[in-house]
Amino acid sequence: MRSSPRLFLRALALAACPAGALLAVAPAAQAATATTTFQVTATVLKACLMTTPGTLAFGSYDPASATPLAGTTSLNVTCTFGTPYSIGLNAGTGTGATITTRAMTSPTAGAGNNSLAYGLFKESTYATNWDNSTSGTGYTGSGLPQARTIYGRIPVGQYTAGPATDYADTITLTLTY
């Protein structure tokens, strides 16, 4: 039986080939991997912010009217989720003002008391006077803006004995959280 010169050359080439060359044509070994985990943390602090309420403008007051004059203003309070907060309103700067009977004062000097009594309330039924107390929670933050309405009312029959002119007051609002 006669062998083919081709087979002989192939056998000779394989025998002469170093082992490293054969490994070069072998499939590459896969790289090893290792994994681990780590924590990412942050502490969210209690925080609140509020918008400044607009002017509570009652409009024109008629002391002869049988109906109290009402008005509203509102603000937005945004507190971190679950944060308890309260809002207090002071008596204002009006002459003789108290928490239960606030007073707008006329800038015009003259005879009489130059003040117009009014109240600020937490609800539209005017049952709860909005005082300056910031104790207790009152509200709880949701992480989103929460609208809070301030209801105002001027009682009937106030013939102020002061001039028929504009009356104003300035209230300080305190947000406690």
N, C-alpha and C. Protein backbone atom coordinates (compact mmCIF):
# COMPACT_ATOMS: atom_id res chain seq x y z
N MET A 1 0.83 -1.15 0.00
CA MET A 1 0.00 0.00 0.00
C MET A 1 0.88 1.22 0.00
N ARG A 2 0.55 2.05 -0.79
CA ARG A 2 1.34 3.22 -1.01
C ARG A 2 0.72 4.40 -0.32
N SER A 3 1.53 5.18 0.40
CA SER A 3 0.98 6.33 1.11
C SER A 3 1.14 7.57 0.26
N SER A 4 0.27 8.40 0.45
CA SER A 4 0.22 9.62 -0.32
C SER A 4 1.24 10.61 0.24
N PRO A 5 1.96 11.32 -0.62
CA PRO A 5 2.92 12.30 -0.11
C PRO A 5 2.21 13.41 0.68
N ARG A 6 1.01 13.65 0.38
CA ARG A 6 0.27 14.70 1.09
C ARG A 6 0.04 14.33 2.54
N LEU A 7 -0.36 13.15 2.81
CA LEU A 7 -0.60 12.70 4.17
C LEU A 7 0.70 12.71 4.96
N PHE A 8 1.76 12.34 4.29
CA PHE A 8 3.04 12.33 4.96
C PHE A 8 3.44 13.74 5.39
N LEU A 9 3.26 14.71 4.52
CA LEU A 9 3.62 16.11 4.83
C LEU A 9 2.75 16.65 5.98
N ARG A 10 1.52 16.28 5.97
CA ARG A 10 0.61 16.74 7.03
C ARG A 10 1.04 16.17 8.37
N ALA A 11 1.38 14.89 8.40
CA ALA A 11 1.82 14.25 9.63
C ALA A 11 3.13 14.86 10.10
N LEU A 12 4.03 15.16 9.15
CA LEU A 12 5.30 15.79 9.49
C LEU A 12 5.09 17.18 10.06
N ALA A 13 4.18 17.96 9.51
CA ALA A 13 3.90 19.33 9.99
C ALA A 13 3.32 19.30 11.39
N LEU A 14 2.44 18.37 11.67
CA LEU A 14 1.85 18.27 13.00
C LEU A 14 2.88 17.84 14.02
N ALA A 15 3.76 16.96 13.65
CA ALA A 15 4.78 16.50 14.58
C ALA A 15 5.77 17.60 14.87
N ALA A 16 6.06 18.46 13.91
CA ALA A 16 7.03 19.53 14.09
C ALA A 16 6.44 20.74 14.80
N CYS A 17 5.17 20.83 14.87
CA CYS A 17 4.48 22.00 15.48
C CYS A 17 4.65 21.97 16.98
N PRO A 18 5.11 23.06 17.62
CA PRO A 18 5.20 23.08 19.08
C PRO A 18 3.80 23.06 19.69
N ALA A 19 3.72 22.64 20.92
CA ALA A 19 2.43 22.53 21.63
C ALA A 19 1.77 23.89 21.78
N GLY A 20 2.53 24.96 21.96
CA GLY A 20 1.96 26.32 22.11
C GLY A 20 1.21 26.75 20.88
N ALA A 21 1.68 26.35 19.72
CA ALA A 21 1.01 26.73 18.49
C ALA A 21 -0.33 26.06 18.39
N LEU A 22 -0.42 24.86 18.89
CA LEU A 22 -1.71 24.18 18.88
C LEU A 22 -2.71 24.86 19.81
N LEU A 23 -2.21 25.39 20.92
CA LEU A 23 -3.10 26.10 21.85
C LEU A 23 -3.63 27.39 21.24
N ALA A 24 -2.87 27.99 20.34
CA ALA A 24 -3.30 29.24 19.72
C ALA A 24 -4.54 29.04 18.88
N VAL A 25 -4.71 27.85 18.35
CA VAL A 25 -5.88 27.59 17.54
C VAL A 25 -7.01 27.00 18.36
N ALA A 26 -6.73 26.69 19.64
CA ALA A 26 -7.77 26.18 20.53
C ALA A 26 -8.65 27.34 21.00
N PRO A 27 -9.90 27.08 21.37
CA PRO A 27 -10.75 28.17 21.84
C PRO A 27 -10.18 28.81 23.10
N ALA A 28 -10.35 30.15 23.22
CA ALA A 28 -9.83 30.90 24.36
C ALA A 28 -10.64 30.56 25.62
N ALA A 29 -9.97 30.53 26.75
CA ALA A 29 -10.65 30.28 28.03
C ALA A 29 -11.41 31.54 28.44
N GLN A 30 -12.57 31.39 29.08
CA GLN A 30 -13.35 32.56 29.50
C GLN A 30 -12.72 33.19 30.73
N ALA A 31 -12.86 34.55 30.83
CA ALA A 31 -12.32 35.27 31.98
C ALA A 31 -13.17 34.98 33.21
N ALA A 32 -12.55 34.93 34.34
CA ALA A 32 -13.27 34.70 35.60
C ALA A 32 -13.86 36.03 36.08
N THR A 33 -15.00 36.00 36.77
CA THR A 33 -15.61 37.21 37.32
C THR A 33 -15.96 36.98 38.78
N ALA A 34 -16.06 38.10 39.48
CA ALA A 34 -16.50 38.07 40.88
C ALA A 34 -17.44 39.25 41.07
N THR A 35 -18.47 39.10 41.86
CA THR A 35 -19.41 40.19 42.12
C THR A 35 -19.56 40.39 43.62
N THR A 36 -19.96 41.59 43.96
CA THR A 36 -20.27 41.92 45.35
C THR A 36 -21.30 43.04 45.33
N THR A 37 -21.78 43.43 46.46
CA THR A 37 -22.75 44.52 46.56
C THR A 37 -22.24 45.57 47.53
N PHE A 38 -22.81 46.76 47.46
CA PHE A 38 -22.52 47.80 48.44
C PHE A 38 -23.77 48.61 48.67
N GLN A 39 -23.87 49.26 49.79
CA GLN A 39 -25.04 50.04 50.16
C GLN A 39 -24.87 51.49 49.73
N VAL A 40 -25.98 52.12 49.39
CA VAL A 40 -26.04 53.55 49.12
C VAL A 40 -27.06 54.11 50.09
N THR A 41 -26.69 55.10 50.90
CA THR A 41 -27.60 55.62 51.92
C THR A 41 -27.63 57.13 51.91
N ALA A 42 -28.70 57.67 52.42
CA ALA A 42 -28.86 59.11 52.66
C ALA A 42 -29.92 59.26 53.74
N THR A 43 -29.83 60.30 54.49
CA THR A 43 -30.83 60.60 55.50
C THR A 43 -31.63 61.81 55.04
N VAL A 44 -32.92 61.63 54.86
CA VAL A 44 -33.79 62.74 54.48
C VAL A 44 -34.21 63.46 55.76
N LEU A 45 -33.93 64.73 55.81
CA LEU A 45 -34.28 65.53 56.98
C LEU A 45 -35.71 66.04 56.88
N LYS A 46 -36.30 66.31 58.02
CA LYS A 46 -37.61 66.96 58.02
C LYS A 46 -37.41 68.36 57.45
N ALA A 47 -38.24 68.72 56.50
CA ALA A 47 -38.14 70.04 55.89
C ALA A 47 -39.50 70.48 55.39
N CYS A 48 -39.74 71.76 55.46
CA CYS A 48 -40.98 72.35 54.95
C CYS A 48 -40.67 73.68 54.29
N LEU A 49 -41.47 74.03 53.33
CA LEU A 49 -41.44 75.36 52.76
C LEU A 49 -42.86 75.78 52.46
N MET A 50 -43.07 77.09 52.40
CA MET A 50 -44.42 77.58 52.14
C MET A 50 -44.36 78.76 51.19
N THR A 51 -45.45 78.94 50.47
CA THR A 51 -45.58 80.12 49.64
C THR A 51 -46.17 81.24 50.49
N THR A 52 -45.94 82.46 50.09
CA THR A 52 -46.52 83.60 50.79
C THR A 52 -47.97 83.73 50.37
N PRO A 53 -48.89 83.80 51.35
CA PRO A 53 -50.30 83.97 50.97
C PRO A 53 -50.50 85.29 50.23
N GLY A 54 -51.48 85.29 49.36
CA GLY A 54 -51.85 86.54 48.71
C GLY A 54 -52.60 87.43 49.70
N THR A 55 -52.88 88.63 49.30
CA THR A 55 -53.63 89.56 50.14
C THR A 55 -55.04 89.05 50.35
N LEU A 56 -55.49 89.06 51.59
CA LEU A 56 -56.89 88.75 51.87
C LEU A 56 -57.64 90.08 51.70
N ALA A 57 -58.21 90.27 50.54
CA ALA A 57 -58.89 91.53 50.20
C ALA A 57 -60.39 91.34 50.37
N PHE A 58 -60.94 91.94 51.41
CA PHE A 58 -62.38 91.82 51.66
C PHE A 58 -63.21 92.61 50.66
N GLY A 59 -62.66 93.63 50.09
CA GLY A 59 -63.44 94.50 49.22
C GLY A 59 -64.10 95.60 50.03
N SER A 60 -65.22 96.09 49.56
CA SER A 60 -65.91 97.20 50.23
C SER A 60 -66.82 96.68 51.34
N TYR A 61 -66.68 97.27 52.50
CA TYR A 61 -67.46 96.87 53.68
C TYR A 61 -68.58 97.88 53.91
N ASP A 62 -69.80 97.40 54.05
CA ASP A 62 -70.96 98.24 54.35
C ASP A 62 -71.42 97.92 55.77
N PRO A 63 -71.20 98.82 56.73
CA PRO A 63 -71.59 98.54 58.11
C PRO A 63 -73.09 98.33 58.29
N ALA A 64 -73.90 98.78 57.34
CA ALA A 64 -75.35 98.63 57.44
C ALA A 64 -75.83 97.28 56.91
N SER A 65 -74.93 96.51 56.28
CA SER A 65 -75.32 95.21 55.74
C SER A 65 -75.63 94.24 56.88
N ALA A 66 -76.60 93.36 56.63
CA ALA A 66 -76.98 92.35 57.63
C ALA A 66 -76.13 91.08 57.51
N THR A 67 -75.25 91.05 56.52
CA THR A 67 -74.42 89.87 56.28
C THR A 67 -72.95 90.20 56.51
N PRO A 68 -72.25 89.38 57.29
CA PRO A 68 -70.80 89.62 57.47
C PRO A 68 -70.09 89.54 56.12
N LEU A 69 -69.02 90.30 55.98
CA LEU A 69 -68.23 90.29 54.76
C LEU A 69 -67.14 89.24 54.90
N ALA A 70 -67.06 88.35 53.92
CA ALA A 70 -66.10 87.24 53.98
C ALA A 70 -65.07 87.34 52.87
N GLY A 71 -63.92 86.74 53.12
CA GLY A 71 -62.85 86.68 52.13
C GLY A 71 -61.91 85.53 52.46
N THR A 72 -61.09 85.17 51.50
CA THR A 72 -60.12 84.09 51.72
C THR A 72 -58.78 84.44 51.09
N THR A 73 -57.78 83.76 51.55
CA THR A 73 -56.48 83.73 50.90
C THR A 73 -55.92 82.34 51.14
N SER A 74 -54.91 81.97 50.41
CA SER A 74 -54.37 80.62 50.61
C SER A 74 -52.86 80.61 50.43
N LEU A 75 -52.28 79.55 50.92
CA LEU A 75 -50.86 79.32 50.76
C LEU A 75 -50.65 77.84 50.51
N ASN A 76 -49.51 77.49 49.96
CA ASN A 76 -49.14 76.09 49.77
C ASN A 76 -48.01 75.76 50.72
N VAL A 77 -48.14 74.63 51.38
CA VAL A 77 -47.09 74.13 52.27
C VAL A 77 -46.63 72.79 51.72
N THR A 78 -45.32 72.66 51.55
CA THR A 78 -44.74 71.40 51.10
C THR A 78 -43.77 70.93 52.17
N CYS A 79 -44.06 69.77 52.76
CA CYS A 79 -43.19 69.17 53.77
C CYS A 79 -42.83 67.76 53.35
N THR A 80 -41.68 67.29 53.80
CA THR A 80 -41.31 65.91 53.53
C THR A 80 -42.40 64.98 54.05
N PHE A 81 -42.54 63.86 53.38
CA PHE A 81 -43.59 62.91 53.70
C PHE A 81 -43.56 62.53 55.17
N GLY A 82 -44.72 62.60 55.82
CA GLY A 82 -44.86 62.20 57.21
C GLY A 82 -44.45 63.24 58.23
N THR A 83 -43.97 64.40 57.78
CA THR A 83 -43.54 65.44 58.72
C THR A 83 -44.74 66.18 59.27
N PRO A 84 -44.94 66.16 60.59
CA PRO A 84 -46.03 66.92 61.19
C PRO A 84 -45.68 68.41 61.19
N TYR A 85 -46.68 69.25 60.92
CA TYR A 85 -46.44 70.69 60.95
C TYR A 85 -47.68 71.42 61.42
N SER A 86 -47.47 72.65 61.86
CA SER A 86 -48.60 73.50 62.27
C SER A 86 -48.35 74.90 61.75
N ILE A 87 -49.43 75.65 61.62
CA ILE A 87 -49.37 77.02 61.12
C ILE A 87 -50.03 77.91 62.16
N GLY A 88 -49.33 78.94 62.58
CA GLY A 88 -49.89 79.89 63.54
C GLY A 88 -49.97 81.28 62.91
N LEU A 89 -51.02 82.01 63.25
CA LEU A 89 -51.19 83.39 62.78
C LEU A 89 -51.20 84.31 64.00
N ASN A 90 -50.39 85.36 63.97
CA ASN A 90 -50.37 86.25 65.13
C ASN A 90 -51.57 87.19 65.11
N ALA A 91 -51.66 88.06 66.11
CA ALA A 91 -52.80 88.99 66.23
C ALA A 91 -52.77 90.07 65.17
N GLY A 92 -51.63 90.31 64.59
CA GLY A 92 -51.51 91.36 63.59
C GLY A 92 -51.00 92.66 64.20
N THR A 93 -50.90 93.67 63.36
CA THR A 93 -50.34 94.96 63.79
C THR A 93 -51.41 96.01 64.03
N GLY A 94 -52.67 95.66 63.82
CA GLY A 94 -53.76 96.63 64.00
C GLY A 94 -53.89 97.10 65.44
N THR A 95 -54.29 98.33 65.62
CA THR A 95 -54.46 98.91 66.95
C THR A 95 -55.48 98.12 67.75
N GLY A 96 -55.07 97.64 68.93
CA GLY A 96 -55.96 96.90 69.82
C GLY A 96 -56.26 95.47 69.40
N ALA A 97 -55.52 94.94 68.45
CA ALA A 97 -55.78 93.58 67.94
C ALA A 97 -55.46 92.51 68.97
N THR A 98 -56.28 91.47 68.97
CA THR A 98 -56.02 90.25 69.74
C THR A 98 -56.19 89.08 68.78
N ILE A 99 -55.84 87.90 69.25
CA ILE A 99 -55.99 86.71 68.40
C ILE A 99 -57.45 86.47 68.05
N THR A 100 -58.36 86.72 68.98
CA THR A 100 -59.77 86.45 68.72
C THR A 100 -60.47 87.60 68.01
N THR A 101 -59.97 88.80 68.16
CA THR A 101 -60.54 89.95 67.45
C THR A 101 -59.40 90.77 66.87
N ARG A 102 -59.08 90.46 65.64
CA ARG A 102 -58.02 91.20 64.95
C ARG A 102 -58.58 92.54 64.50
N ALA A 103 -57.69 93.46 64.17
CA ALA A 103 -58.16 94.80 63.81
C ALA A 103 -57.37 95.37 62.65
N MET A 104 -58.10 95.81 61.63
CA MET A 104 -57.48 96.59 60.57
C MET A 104 -57.54 98.04 61.03
N THR A 105 -56.49 98.78 60.75
CA THR A 105 -56.41 100.16 61.19
C THR A 105 -56.37 101.07 59.98
N SER A 106 -57.01 102.24 60.13
CA SER A 106 -56.96 103.25 59.09
C SER A 106 -55.70 104.08 59.27
N PRO A 107 -55.01 104.34 58.19
CA PRO A 107 -53.82 105.19 58.31
C PRO A 107 -54.19 106.66 58.52
N THR A 108 -55.46 106.98 58.37
CA THR A 108 -55.91 108.36 58.52
C THR A 108 -56.22 108.65 59.98
N ALA A 109 -55.51 109.59 60.54
CA ALA A 109 -55.77 109.97 61.94
C ALA A 109 -57.07 110.75 62.00
N GLY A 110 -57.75 110.61 63.09
CA GLY A 110 -59.00 111.35 63.25
C GLY A 110 -59.72 110.88 64.49
N ALA A 111 -60.91 111.36 64.65
CA ALA A 111 -61.71 110.97 65.81
C ALA A 111 -62.11 109.51 65.69
N GLY A 112 -62.41 108.87 66.79
CA GLY A 112 -62.85 107.48 66.79
C GLY A 112 -61.69 106.52 66.94
N ASN A 113 -62.00 105.25 66.85
CA ASN A 113 -60.96 104.25 67.10
C ASN A 113 -60.15 103.89 65.87
N ASN A 114 -60.58 104.31 64.71
CA ASN A 114 -59.87 104.05 63.45
C ASN A 114 -59.53 102.58 63.22
N SER A 115 -60.36 101.68 63.72
CA SER A 115 -60.08 100.26 63.48
C SER A 115 -61.35 99.53 63.07
N LEU A 116 -61.15 98.46 62.35
CA LEU A 116 -62.24 97.63 61.85
C LEU A 116 -61.93 96.19 62.28
N ALA A 117 -62.78 95.63 63.14
CA ALA A 117 -62.55 94.28 63.67
C ALA A 117 -62.84 93.22 62.61
N TYR A 118 -62.07 92.15 62.67
CA TYR A 118 -62.29 91.01 61.77
C TYR A 118 -61.71 89.77 62.44
N GLY A 119 -62.01 88.61 61.86
CA GLY A 119 -61.49 87.35 62.37
C GLY A 119 -60.87 86.52 61.26
N LEU A 120 -59.94 85.65 61.65
CA LEU A 120 -59.33 84.69 60.72
C LEU A 120 -59.62 83.29 61.25
N PHE A 121 -60.04 82.41 60.34
CA PHE A 121 -60.54 81.09 60.74
C PHE A 121 -59.91 79.98 59.91
N LYS A 122 -59.95 78.77 60.46
CA LYS A 122 -59.36 77.60 59.80
C LYS A 122 -60.31 76.92 58.82
N GLU A 123 -61.59 77.22 58.89
CA GLU A 123 -62.53 76.57 57.98
C GLU A 123 -63.64 77.54 57.58
N SER A 124 -64.35 77.16 56.54
CA SER A 124 -65.37 78.03 55.96
C SER A 124 -66.61 78.20 56.84
N THR A 125 -66.72 77.42 57.90
CA THR A 125 -67.85 77.59 58.83
C THR A 125 -67.55 78.64 59.89
N TYR A 126 -66.33 79.15 59.90
CA TYR A 126 -65.88 80.19 60.84
C TYR A 126 -66.01 79.74 62.29
N ALA A 127 -65.87 78.45 62.55
CA ALA A 127 -66.04 77.92 63.90
C ALA A 127 -64.73 77.94 64.70
N THR A 128 -63.60 77.79 64.03
CA THR A 128 -62.32 77.71 64.74
C THR A 128 -61.45 78.90 64.39
N ASN A 129 -61.25 79.77 65.38
CA ASN A 129 -60.38 80.93 65.20
C ASN A 129 -58.95 80.44 64.93
N TRP A 130 -58.28 81.07 63.97
CA TRP A 130 -56.91 80.67 63.65
C TRP A 130 -55.99 81.44 64.57
N ASP A 131 -55.45 80.73 65.56
CA ASP A 131 -54.63 81.40 66.56
C ASP A 131 -53.14 81.27 66.24
N ASN A 132 -52.33 81.75 67.17
CA ASN A 132 -50.89 81.76 66.98
C ASN A 132 -50.23 80.52 67.56
N SER A 133 -51.02 79.54 67.95
CA SER A 133 -50.48 78.33 68.55
C SER A 133 -49.77 77.50 67.51
N THR A 134 -48.55 77.14 67.80
CA THR A 134 -47.81 76.26 66.90
C THR A 134 -47.51 74.94 67.60
N SER A 135 -48.20 74.70 68.71
CA SER A 135 -48.04 73.41 69.38
C SER A 135 -49.01 72.42 68.75
N GLY A 136 -48.70 71.16 68.89
CA GLY A 136 -49.54 70.16 68.24
C GLY A 136 -49.16 70.06 66.78
N THR A 137 -49.72 69.11 66.10
CA THR A 137 -49.33 68.92 64.71
C THR A 137 -50.23 69.66 63.75
N GLY A 138 -51.49 69.44 63.82
CA GLY A 138 -52.38 70.10 62.89
C GLY A 138 -52.43 69.43 61.53
N TYR A 139 -51.27 69.27 60.89
CA TYR A 139 -51.22 68.73 59.54
C TYR A 139 -50.03 67.76 59.43
N THR A 140 -50.03 66.97 58.36
CA THR A 140 -48.92 66.05 58.10
C THR A 140 -48.50 66.20 56.65
N GLY A 141 -47.20 66.37 56.43
CA GLY A 141 -46.67 66.54 55.08
C GLY A 141 -46.84 65.30 54.22
N SER A 142 -47.06 65.54 52.93
CA SER A 142 -47.23 64.44 51.99
C SER A 142 -46.10 64.38 50.96
N GLY A 143 -45.19 65.35 51.02
CA GLY A 143 -44.15 65.43 50.00
C GLY A 143 -44.59 66.24 48.80
N LEU A 144 -45.86 66.60 48.75
CA LEU A 144 -46.42 67.41 47.67
C LEU A 144 -46.99 68.70 48.25
N PRO A 145 -47.16 69.73 47.42
CA PRO A 145 -47.76 70.97 47.94
C PRO A 145 -49.18 70.71 48.47
N GLN A 146 -49.46 71.24 49.65
CA GLN A 146 -50.79 71.13 50.25
C GLN A 146 -51.34 72.54 50.41
N ALA A 147 -52.49 72.79 49.81
CA ALA A 147 -53.12 74.11 49.89
C ALA A 147 -53.79 74.28 51.25
N ARG A 148 -53.54 75.40 51.88
CA ARG A 148 -54.17 75.76 53.16
C ARG A 148 -54.87 77.10 52.95
N THR A 149 -56.17 77.10 53.22
CA THR A 149 -56.98 78.31 53.03
C THR A 149 -57.18 79.00 54.37
N ILE A 150 -57.03 80.31 54.36
CA ILE A 150 -57.31 81.14 55.54
C ILE A 150 -58.61 81.87 55.24
N TYR A 151 -59.59 81.68 56.10
CA TYR A 151 -60.91 82.29 55.92
C TYR A 151 -61.01 83.51 56.82
N GLY A 152 -61.45 84.61 56.25
CA GLY A 152 -61.61 85.84 57.02
C GLY A 152 -63.05 86.31 57.00
N ARG A 153 -63.44 87.02 58.06
CA ARG A 153 -64.81 87.55 58.11
C ARG A 153 -64.82 88.83 58.95
N ILE A 154 -65.52 89.83 58.42
CA ILE A 154 -65.73 91.09 59.14
C ILE A 154 -67.17 91.07 59.66
N PRO A 155 -67.35 91.18 60.99
CA PRO A 155 -68.71 91.18 61.55
C PRO A 155 -69.52 92.40 61.08
N VAL A 156 -70.82 92.26 61.15
CA VAL A 156 -71.74 93.34 60.73
C VAL A 156 -71.76 94.46 61.78
N GLY A 157 -72.29 95.61 61.33
CA GLY A 157 -72.61 96.71 62.25
C GLY A 157 -71.44 97.47 62.82
N GLN A 158 -70.33 97.51 62.14
CA GLN A 158 -69.18 98.26 62.67
C GLN A 158 -69.15 99.66 62.08
N TYR A 159 -69.76 100.57 62.78
CA TYR A 159 -69.67 101.98 62.41
C TYR A 159 -68.46 102.49 63.16
N THR A 160 -67.33 102.43 62.55
CA THR A 160 -66.04 102.58 63.22
C THR A 160 -65.83 103.92 63.91
N ALA A 161 -66.66 104.88 63.65
CA ALA A 161 -66.46 106.24 64.16
C ALA A 161 -65.15 106.82 63.65
N GLY A 162 -64.53 106.10 62.74
CA GLY A 162 -63.35 106.60 62.05
C GLY A 162 -63.76 106.98 60.64
N PRO A 163 -62.84 107.44 59.87
CA PRO A 163 -63.17 107.90 58.51
C PRO A 163 -63.55 106.74 57.58
N ALA A 164 -64.34 107.08 56.58
CA ALA A 164 -64.68 106.12 55.53
C ALA A 164 -63.49 106.11 54.57
N THR A 165 -62.61 105.15 54.78
CA THR A 165 -61.37 105.06 54.00
C THR A 165 -60.88 103.61 54.01
N ASP A 166 -59.69 103.40 53.54
CA ASP A 166 -59.10 102.06 53.52
C ASP A 166 -58.55 101.69 54.90
N TYR A 167 -58.71 100.42 55.25
CA TYR A 167 -58.18 99.88 56.50
C TYR A 167 -57.30 98.68 56.14
N ALA A 168 -56.25 98.48 56.92
CA ALA A 168 -55.32 97.38 56.61
C ALA A 168 -54.69 96.83 57.89
N ASP A 169 -54.17 95.65 57.78
CA ASP A 169 -53.47 94.99 58.87
C ASP A 169 -52.39 94.10 58.25
N THR A 170 -51.39 93.74 59.03
CA THR A 170 -50.35 92.81 58.59
C THR A 170 -50.28 91.66 59.58
N ILE A 171 -50.41 90.46 59.06
CA ILE A 171 -50.39 89.24 59.88
C ILE A 171 -49.07 88.51 59.65
N THR A 172 -48.49 87.99 60.71
CA THR A 172 -47.31 87.14 60.60
C THR A 172 -47.73 85.69 60.73
N LEU A 173 -47.34 84.91 59.76
CA LEU A 173 -47.65 83.48 59.71
C LEU A 173 -46.39 82.71 60.12
N THR A 174 -46.54 81.75 61.04
CA THR A 174 -45.41 80.94 61.49
C THR A 174 -45.68 79.47 61.17
N LEU A 175 -44.76 78.88 60.44
CA LEU A 175 -44.84 77.46 60.10
C LEU A 175 -43.85 76.72 61.00
N THR A 176 -44.36 75.79 61.79
CA THR A 176 -43.51 75.02 62.71
C THR A 176 -43.58 73.55 62.33
N TYR A 177 -42.40 72.91 62.24
CA TYR A 177 -42.35 71.48 61.91
C TYR A 177 -41.24 70.80 62.66
